[in-house]
Amino acid sequence: MEVIINLSFILMLALMLAFTFASHNDADPYGWHMDCERFLLRRVEILMDDDLDRRTKYNLIGYLKSKVDGTCGTLT
């Protein structure tokens, strides 16, 4: 069980770092955002990932949704 949790944490951390480095404002390294289209693509990728448990998926999706500029028509 511990191995699965550690693997999920590592995958979630890797995804978050990838998003952070891929799309951020150089003037403010902590103030990165993503557009709705990119969020929707990442949301599907996260939901399809069998290595992440349900709670981790929804936590990650919720975090990414908070980084979307403007409104985004999703059900989450």
PDB file of N, CA and C in Angstrom:
ATOM      1  N   MET A   1       0.824  -1.195   0.000  1.00  0.00           N
ATOM      2  CA  MET A   1       0.000   0.000   0.000  1.00  0.00           C
ATOM      3  C   MET A   1       0.865   1.254   0.000  1.00  0.00           C
ATOM      4  N   GLU A   2       1.928   1.242   0.783  1.00  0.00           N
ATOM      5  CA  GLU A   2       2.803   2.406   0.869  1.00  0.00           C
ATOM      6  C   GLU A   2       3.461   2.701  -0.475  1.00  0.00           C
ATOM      7  N   VAL A   3       3.801   1.670  -1.221  1.00  0.00           N
ATOM      8  CA  VAL A   3       4.423   1.854  -2.536  1.00  0.00           C
ATOM      9  C   VAL A   3       3.455   2.540  -3.486  1.00  0.00           C
ATOM     10  N   ILE A   4       2.179   2.170  -3.453  1.00  0.00           N
ATOM     11  CA  ILE A   4       1.174   2.780  -4.313  1.00  0.00           C
ATOM     12  C   ILE A   4       0.991   4.253  -3.957  1.00  0.00           C
ATOM     13  N   ILE A   5       0.948   4.559  -2.683  1.00  0.00           N
ATOM     14  CA  ILE A   5       0.787   5.944  -2.249  1.00  0.00           C
ATOM     15  C   ILE A   5       1.989   6.773  -2.684  1.00  0.00           C
ATOM     16  N   ASN A   6       3.174   6.243  -2.501  1.00  0.00           N
ATOM     17  CA  ASN A   6       4.369   6.971  -2.903  1.00  0.00           C
ATOM     18  C   ASN A   6       4.405   7.182  -4.408  1.00  0.00           C
ATOM     19  N   LEU A   7       4.000   6.184  -5.183  1.00  0.00           N
ATOM     20  CA  LEU A   7       3.965   6.317  -6.631  1.00  0.00           C
ATOM     21  C   LEU A   7       2.948   7.378  -7.049  1.00  0.00           C
ATOM     22  N   SER A   8       1.790   7.394  -6.433  1.00  0.00           N
ATOM     23  CA  SER A   8       0.775   8.401  -6.735  1.00  0.00           C
ATOM     24  C   SER A   8       1.281   9.793  -6.404  1.00  0.00           C
ATOM     25  N   PHE A   9       1.939   9.927  -5.271  1.00  0.00           N
ATOM     26  CA  PHE A   9       2.465  11.228  -4.875  1.00  0.00           C
ATOM     27  C   PHE A   9       3.528  11.702  -5.864  1.00  0.00           C
ATOM     28  N   ILE A  10       4.401  10.808  -6.274  1.00  0.00           N
ATOM     29  CA  ILE A  10       5.457  11.162  -7.218  1.00  0.00           C
ATOM     30  C   ILE A  10       4.866  11.578  -8.555  1.00  0.00           C
ATOM     31  N   LEU A  11       3.857  10.852  -9.035  1.00  0.00           N
ATOM     32  CA  LEU A  11       3.222  11.206 -10.298  1.00  0.00           C
ATOM     33  C   LEU A  11       2.511  12.548 -10.207  1.00  0.00           C
ATOM     34  N   MET A  12       1.817  12.795  -9.103  1.00  0.00           N
ATOM     35  CA  MET A  12       1.124  14.062  -8.924  1.00  0.00           C
ATOM     36  C   MET A  12       2.135  15.211  -8.862  1.00  0.00           C
ATOM     37  N   LEU A  13       3.214  15.015  -8.136  1.00  0.00           N
ATOM     38  CA  LEU A  13       4.248  16.040  -8.040  1.00  0.00           C
ATOM     39  C   LEU A  13       4.878  16.315  -9.404  1.00  0.00           C
ATOM     40  N   ALA A  14       5.135  15.268 -10.166  1.00  0.00           N
ATOM     41  CA  ALA A  14       5.717  15.442 -11.497  1.00  0.00           C
ATOM     42  C   ALA A  14       4.774  16.233 -12.409  1.00  0.00           C
ATOM     43  N   LEU A  15       3.486  15.934 -12.350  1.00  0.00           N
ATOM     44  CA  LEU A  15       2.516  16.680 -13.153  1.00  0.00           C
ATOM     45  C   LEU A  15       2.460  18.144 -12.747  1.00  0.00           C
ATOM     46  N   MET A  16       2.440  18.403 -11.460  1.00  0.00           N
ATOM     47  CA  MET A  16       2.367  19.783 -10.995  1.00  0.00           C
ATOM     48  C   MET A  16       3.616  20.570 -11.402  1.00  0.00           C
ATOM     49  N   LEU A  17       4.777  19.944 -11.291  1.00  0.00           N
ATOM     50  CA  LEU A  17       6.008  20.621 -11.697  1.00  0.00           C
ATOM     51  C   LEU A  17       6.019  20.886 -13.197  1.00  0.00           C
ATOM     52  N   ALA A  18       5.540  19.923 -13.963  1.00  0.00           N
ATOM     53  CA  ALA A  18       5.490  20.109 -15.418  1.00  0.00           C
ATOM     54  C   ALA A  18       4.592  21.287 -15.782  1.00  0.00           C
ATOM     55  N   PHE A  19       3.448  21.404 -15.125  1.00  0.00           N
ATOM     56  CA  PHE A  19       2.545  22.510 -15.400  1.00  0.00           C
ATOM     57  C   PHE A  19       3.161  23.836 -14.961  1.00  0.00           C
ATOM     58  N   THR A  20       3.849  23.823 -13.846  1.00  0.00           N
ATOM     59  CA  THR A  20       4.460  25.045 -13.334  1.00  0.00           C
ATOM     60  C   THR A  20       5.536  25.551 -14.278  1.00  0.00           C
ATOM     61  N   PHE A  21       6.392  24.672 -14.740  1.00  0.00           N
ATOM     62  CA  PHE A  21       7.477  25.095 -15.617  1.00  0.00           C
ATOM     63  C   PHE A  21       6.999  25.397 -17.033  1.00  0.00           C
ATOM     64  N   ALA A  22       5.896  24.803 -17.430  1.00  0.00           N
ATOM     65  CA  ALA A  22       5.412  24.972 -18.799  1.00  0.00           C
ATOM     66  C   ALA A  22       4.676  26.295 -19.000  1.00  0.00           C
ATOM     67  N   SER A  23       4.039  26.804 -17.978  1.00  0.00           N
ATOM     68  CA  SER A  23       3.186  27.978 -18.173  1.00  0.00           C
ATOM     69  C   SER A  23       3.219  28.880 -16.949  1.00  0.00           C
ATOM     70  N   HIS A  24       4.161  29.806 -16.918  1.00  0.00           N
ATOM     71  CA  HIS A  24       4.183  30.759 -15.820  1.00  0.00           C
ATOM     72  C   HIS A  24       4.672  32.109 -16.302  1.00  0.00           C
ATOM     73  N   ASN A  25       4.354  33.111 -15.540  1.00  0.00           N
ATOM     74  CA  ASN A  25       4.760  34.474 -15.827  1.00  0.00           C
ATOM     75  C   ASN A  25       6.157  34.677 -15.258  1.00  0.00           C
ATOM     76  N   ASP A  26       7.118  35.049 -16.098  1.00  0.00           N
ATOM     77  CA  ASP A  26       8.501  35.192 -15.642  1.00  0.00           C
ATOM     78  C   ASP A  26       8.650  36.234 -14.540  1.00  0.00           C
ATOM     79  N   ALA A  27       7.797  37.232 -14.516  1.00  0.00           N
ATOM     80  CA  ALA A  27       7.870  38.256 -13.486  1.00  0.00           C
ATOM     81  C   ALA A  27       7.416  37.722 -12.129  1.00  0.00           C
ATOM     82  N   ASP A  28       6.555  36.739 -12.130  1.00  0.00           N
ATOM     83  CA  ASP A  28       6.022  36.169 -10.895  1.00  0.00           C
ATOM     84  C   ASP A  28       6.004  34.648 -11.016  1.00  0.00           C
ATOM     85  N   PRO A  29       7.045  33.953 -10.538  1.00  0.00           N
ATOM     86  CA  PRO A  29       7.148  32.508 -10.739  1.00  0.00           C
ATOM     87  C   PRO A  29       6.043  31.698 -10.069  1.00  0.00           C
ATOM     88  N   TYR A  30       5.332  32.281  -9.107  1.00  0.00           N
ATOM     89  CA  TYR A  30       4.259  31.555  -8.431  1.00  0.00           C
ATOM     90  C   TYR A  30       2.884  31.876  -9.005  1.00  0.00           C
ATOM     91  N   GLY A  31       2.806  32.797  -9.946  1.00  0.00           N
ATOM     92  CA  GLY A  31       1.529  33.239 -10.475  1.00  0.00           C
ATOM     93  C   GLY A  31       1.253  32.708 -11.868  1.00  0.00           C
ATOM     94  N   TRP A  32       1.352  31.406 -12.056  1.00  0.00           N
ATOM     95  CA  TRP A  32       1.110  30.839 -13.381  1.00  0.00           C
ATOM     96  C   TRP A  32      -0.366  30.528 -13.559  1.00  0.00           C
ATOM     97  N   HIS A  33      -0.805  30.525 -14.816  1.00  0.00           N
ATOM     98  CA  HIS A  33      -2.196  30.253 -15.157  1.00  0.00           C
ATOM     99  C   HIS A  33      -2.237  29.389 -16.407  1.00  0.00           C
ATOM    100  N   MET A  34      -3.381  28.813 -16.664  1.00  0.00           N
ATOM    101  CA  MET A  34      -3.573  28.042 -17.889  1.00  0.00           C
ATOM    102  C   MET A  34      -4.918  28.398 -18.495  1.00  0.00           C
ATOM    103  N   ASP A  35      -5.026  28.219 -19.814  1.00  0.00           N
ATOM    104  CA  ASP A  35      -6.311  28.522 -20.448  1.00  0.00           C
ATOM    105  C   ASP A  35      -7.241  27.313 -20.323  1.00  0.00           C
ATOM    106  N   CYS A  36      -8.497  27.530 -20.650  1.00  0.00           N
ATOM    107  CA  CYS A  36      -9.524  26.505 -20.476  1.00  0.00           C
ATOM    108  C   CYS A  36      -9.239  25.269 -21.320  1.00  0.00           C
ATOM    109  N   GLU A  37      -8.828  25.462 -22.556  1.00  0.00           N
ATOM    110  CA  GLU A  37      -8.563  24.328 -23.437  1.00  0.00           C
ATOM    111  C   GLU A  37      -7.465  23.425 -22.871  1.00  0.00           C
ATOM    112  N   ARG A  38      -6.411  24.035 -22.399  1.00  0.00           N
ATOM    113  CA  ARG A  38      -5.315  23.251 -21.822  1.00  0.00           C
ATOM    114  C   ARG A  38      -5.779  22.521 -20.561  1.00  0.00           C
ATOM    115  N   PHE A  39      -6.569  23.205 -19.727  1.00  0.00           N
ATOM    116  CA  PHE A  39      -7.103  22.571 -18.528  1.00  0.00           C
ATOM    117  C   PHE A  39      -7.947  21.349 -18.873  1.00  0.00           C
ATOM    118  N   LEU A  40      -8.828  21.495 -19.864  1.00  0.00           N
ATOM    119  CA  LEU A  40      -9.697  20.377 -20.240  1.00  0.00           C
ATOM    120  C   LEU A  40      -8.890  19.176 -20.736  1.00  0.00           C
ATOM    121  N   LEU A  41      -7.824  19.436 -21.482  1.00  0.00           N
ATOM    122  CA  LEU A  41      -6.961  18.345 -21.945  1.00  0.00           C
ATOM    123  C   LEU A  41      -6.279  17.655 -20.771  1.00  0.00           C
ATOM    124  N   ARG A  42      -5.747  18.434 -19.861  1.00  0.00           N
ATOM    125  CA  ARG A  42      -5.060  17.856 -18.701  1.00  0.00           C
ATOM    126  C   ARG A  42      -6.047  17.123 -17.801  1.00  0.00           C
ATOM    127  N   ARG A  43      -7.251  17.645 -17.689  1.00  0.00           N
ATOM    128  CA  ARG A  43      -8.288  17.000 -16.869  1.00  0.00           C
ATOM    129  C   ARG A  43      -8.578  15.595 -17.376  1.00  0.00           C
ATOM    130  N   VAL A  44      -8.720  15.452 -18.686  1.00  0.00           N
ATOM    131  CA  VAL A  44      -8.970  14.129 -19.272  1.00  0.00           C
ATOM    132  C   VAL A  44      -7.778  13.207 -19.028  1.00  0.00           C
ATOM    133  N   GLU A  45      -6.566  13.731 -19.211  1.00  0.00           N
ATOM    134  CA  GLU A  45      -5.376  12.918 -18.974  1.00  0.00           C
ATOM    135  C   GLU A  45      -5.319  12.423 -17.530  1.00  0.00           C
ATOM    136  N   ILE A  46      -5.637  13.300 -16.596  1.00  0.00           N
ATOM    137  CA  ILE A  46      -5.610  12.921 -15.186  1.00  0.00           C
ATOM    138  C   ILE A  46      -6.684  11.879 -14.887  1.00  0.00           C
ATOM    139  N   LEU A  47      -7.895  12.090 -15.395  1.00  0.00           N
ATOM    140  CA  LEU A  47      -8.976  11.130 -15.151  1.00  0.00           C
ATOM    141  C   LEU A  47      -8.687   9.754 -15.753  1.00  0.00           C
ATOM    142  N   MET A  48      -7.942   9.714 -16.836  1.00  0.00           N
ATOM    143  CA  MET A  48      -7.618   8.443 -17.497  1.00  0.00           C
ATOM    144  C   MET A  48      -6.406   7.738 -16.876  1.00  0.00           C
ATOM    145  N   ASP A  49      -5.702   8.405 -15.994  1.00  0.00           N
ATOM    146  CA  ASP A  49      -4.488   7.847 -15.399  1.00  0.00           C
ATOM    147  C   ASP A  49      -4.840   6.811 -14.341  1.00  0.00           C
ATOM    148  N   ASP A  50      -4.554   5.553 -14.618  1.00  0.00           N
ATOM    149  CA  ASP A  50      -4.874   4.467 -13.694  1.00  0.00           C
ATOM    150  C   ASP A  50      -3.929   4.409 -12.493  1.00  0.00           C
ATOM    151  N   ASP A  51      -2.828   5.148 -12.541  1.00  0.00           N
ATOM    152  CA  ASP A  51      -1.867   5.125 -11.436  1.00  0.00           C
ATOM    153  C   ASP A  51      -2.240   6.077 -10.303  1.00  0.00           C
ATOM    154  N   LEU A  52      -3.231   6.935 -10.531  1.00  0.00           N
ATOM    155  CA  LEU A  52      -3.674   7.869  -9.500  1.00  0.00           C
ATOM    156  C   LEU A  52      -4.992   7.407  -8.905  1.00  0.00           C
ATOM    157  N   ASP A  53      -5.107   7.504  -7.577  1.00  0.00           N
ATOM    158  CA  ASP A  53      -6.381   7.144  -6.965  1.00  0.00           C
ATOM    159  C   ASP A  53      -7.382   8.282  -7.164  1.00  0.00           C
ATOM    160  N   ARG A  54      -8.635   7.995  -6.885  1.00  0.00           N
ATOM    161  CA  ARG A  54      -9.723   8.954  -7.148  1.00  0.00           C
ATOM    162  C   ARG A  54      -9.521  10.284  -6.423  1.00  0.00           C
ATOM    163  N   ARG A  55      -9.155  10.211  -5.157  1.00  0.00           N
ATOM    164  CA  ARG A  55      -8.971  11.439  -4.370  1.00  0.00           C
ATOM    165  C   ARG A  55      -7.855  12.300  -4.953  1.00  0.00           C
ATOM    166  N   THR A  56      -6.748  11.673  -5.310  1.00  0.00           N
ATOM    167  CA  THR A  56      -5.620  12.407  -5.891  1.00  0.00           C
ATOM    168  C   THR A  56      -6.021  13.061  -7.202  1.00  0.00           C
ATOM    169  N   LYS A  57      -6.774  12.334  -8.019  1.00  0.00           N
ATOM    170  CA  LYS A  57      -7.228  12.888  -9.298  1.00  0.00           C
ATOM    171  C   LYS A  57      -8.047  14.158  -9.085  1.00  0.00           C
ATOM    172  N   TYR A  58      -9.019  14.095  -8.181  1.00  0.00           N
ATOM    173  CA  TYR A  58      -9.894  15.245  -7.972  1.00  0.00           C
ATOM    174  C   TYR A  58      -9.176  16.398  -7.274  1.00  0.00           C
ATOM    175  N   ASN A  59      -8.221  16.097  -6.399  1.00  0.00           N
ATOM    176  CA  ASN A  59      -7.426  17.166  -5.789  1.00  0.00           C
ATOM    177  C   ASN A  59      -6.586  17.880  -6.842  1.00  0.00           C
ATOM    178  N   LEU A  60      -5.966  17.113  -7.718  1.00  0.00           N
ATOM    179  CA  LEU A  60      -5.140  17.699  -8.762  1.00  0.00           C
ATOM    180  C   LEU A  60      -5.984  18.504  -9.754  1.00  0.00           C
ATOM    181  N   ILE A  61      -7.131  17.965 -10.138  1.00  0.00           N
ATOM    182  CA  ILE A  61      -8.034  18.678 -11.056  1.00  0.00           C
ATOM    183  C   ILE A  61      -8.529  19.976 -10.416  1.00  0.00           C
ATOM    184  N   GLY A  62      -8.881  19.925  -9.131  1.00  0.00           N
ATOM    185  CA  GLY A  62      -9.325  21.125  -8.439  1.00  0.00           C
ATOM    186  C   GLY A  62      -8.245  22.190  -8.381  1.00  0.00           C
ATOM    187  N   TYR A  63      -7.012  21.770  -8.144  1.00  0.00           N
ATOM    188  CA  TYR A  63      -5.906  22.715  -8.101  1.00  0.00           C
ATOM    189  C   TYR A  63      -5.699  23.351  -9.466  1.00  0.00           C
ATOM    190  N   LEU A  64      -5.682  22.525 -10.508  1.00  0.00           N
ATOM    191  CA  LEU A  64      -5.477  23.059 -11.849  1.00  0.00           C
ATOM    192  C   LEU A  64      -6.619  23.980 -12.263  1.00  0.00           C
ATOM    193  N   LYS A  65      -7.847  23.641 -11.863  1.00  0.00           N
ATOM    194  CA  LYS A  65      -8.992  24.492 -12.206  1.00  0.00           C
ATOM    195  C   LYS A  65      -8.856  25.871 -11.562  1.00  0.00           C
ATOM    196  N   SER A  66      -8.223  25.929 -10.391  1.00  0.00           N
ATOM    197  CA  SER A  66      -8.019  27.229  -9.736  1.00  0.00           C
ATOM    198  C   SER A  66      -7.014  28.088 -10.498  1.00  0.00           C
ATOM    199  N   LYS A  67      -6.267  27.499 -11.403  1.00  0.00           N
ATOM    200  CA  LYS A  67      -5.266  28.223 -12.191  1.00  0.00           C
ATOM    201  C   LYS A  67      -5.781  28.641 -13.569  1.00  0.00           C
ATOM    202  N   VAL A  68      -7.048  28.329 -13.867  1.00  0.00           N
ATOM    203  CA  VAL A  68      -7.624  28.666 -15.165  1.00  0.00           C
ATOM    204  C   VAL A  68      -8.036  30.139 -15.169  1.00  0.00           C
ATOM    205  N   ASP A  69      -7.638  30.841 -16.220  1.00  0.00           N
ATOM    206  CA  ASP A  69      -8.042  32.238 -16.393  1.00  0.00           C
ATOM    207  C   ASP A  69      -9.488  32.285 -16.868  1.00  0.00           C
ATOM    208  N   GLY A  70     -10.333  33.044 -16.195  1.00  0.00           N
ATOM    209  CA  GLY A  70     -11.723  33.186 -16.597  1.00  0.00           C
ATOM    210  C   GLY A  70     -12.550  31.960 -16.242  1.00  0.00           C
ATOM    211  N   THR A  71     -13.679  31.818 -16.920  1.00  0.00           N
ATOM    212  CA  THR A  71     -14.559  30.690 -16.674  1.00  0.00           C
ATOM    213  C   THR A  71     -14.257  29.570 -17.650  1.00  0.00           C
ATOM    214  N   CYS A  72     -14.569  28.370 -17.202  1.00  0.00           N
ATOM    215  CA  CYS A  72     -14.319  27.198 -18.042  1.00  0.00           C
ATOM    216  C   CYS A  72     -15.487  26.246 -17.831  1.00  0.00           C
ATOM    217  N   GLY A  73     -16.199  25.906 -18.874  1.00  0.00           N
ATOM    218  CA  GLY A  73     -17.401  25.086 -18.767  1.00  0.00           C
ATOM    219  C   GLY A  73     -17.104  23.615 -18.527  1.00  0.00           C
ATOM    220  N   THR A  74     -16.951  23.243 -17.260  1.00  0.00           N
ATOM    221  CA  THR A  74     -16.737  21.844 -16.899  1.00  0.00           C
ATOM    222  C   THR A  74     -17.708  21.453 -15.806  1.00  0.00           C
ATOM    223  N   LEU A  75     -17.790  20.174 -15.532  1.00  0.00           N
ATOM    224  CA  LEU A  75     -18.677  19.688 -14.487  1.00  0.00           C
ATOM    225  C   LEU A  75     -17.982  19.513 -13.169  1.00  0.00           C
ATOM    226  N   THR A  76     -16.645  19.716 -13.117  1.00  0.00           N
ATOM    227  CA  THR A  76     -15.919  19.514 -11.850  1.00  0.00           C
ATOM    228  C   THR A  76     -15.827  20.797 -11.062  1.00  0.00           C
TER     229      THR A  76
END
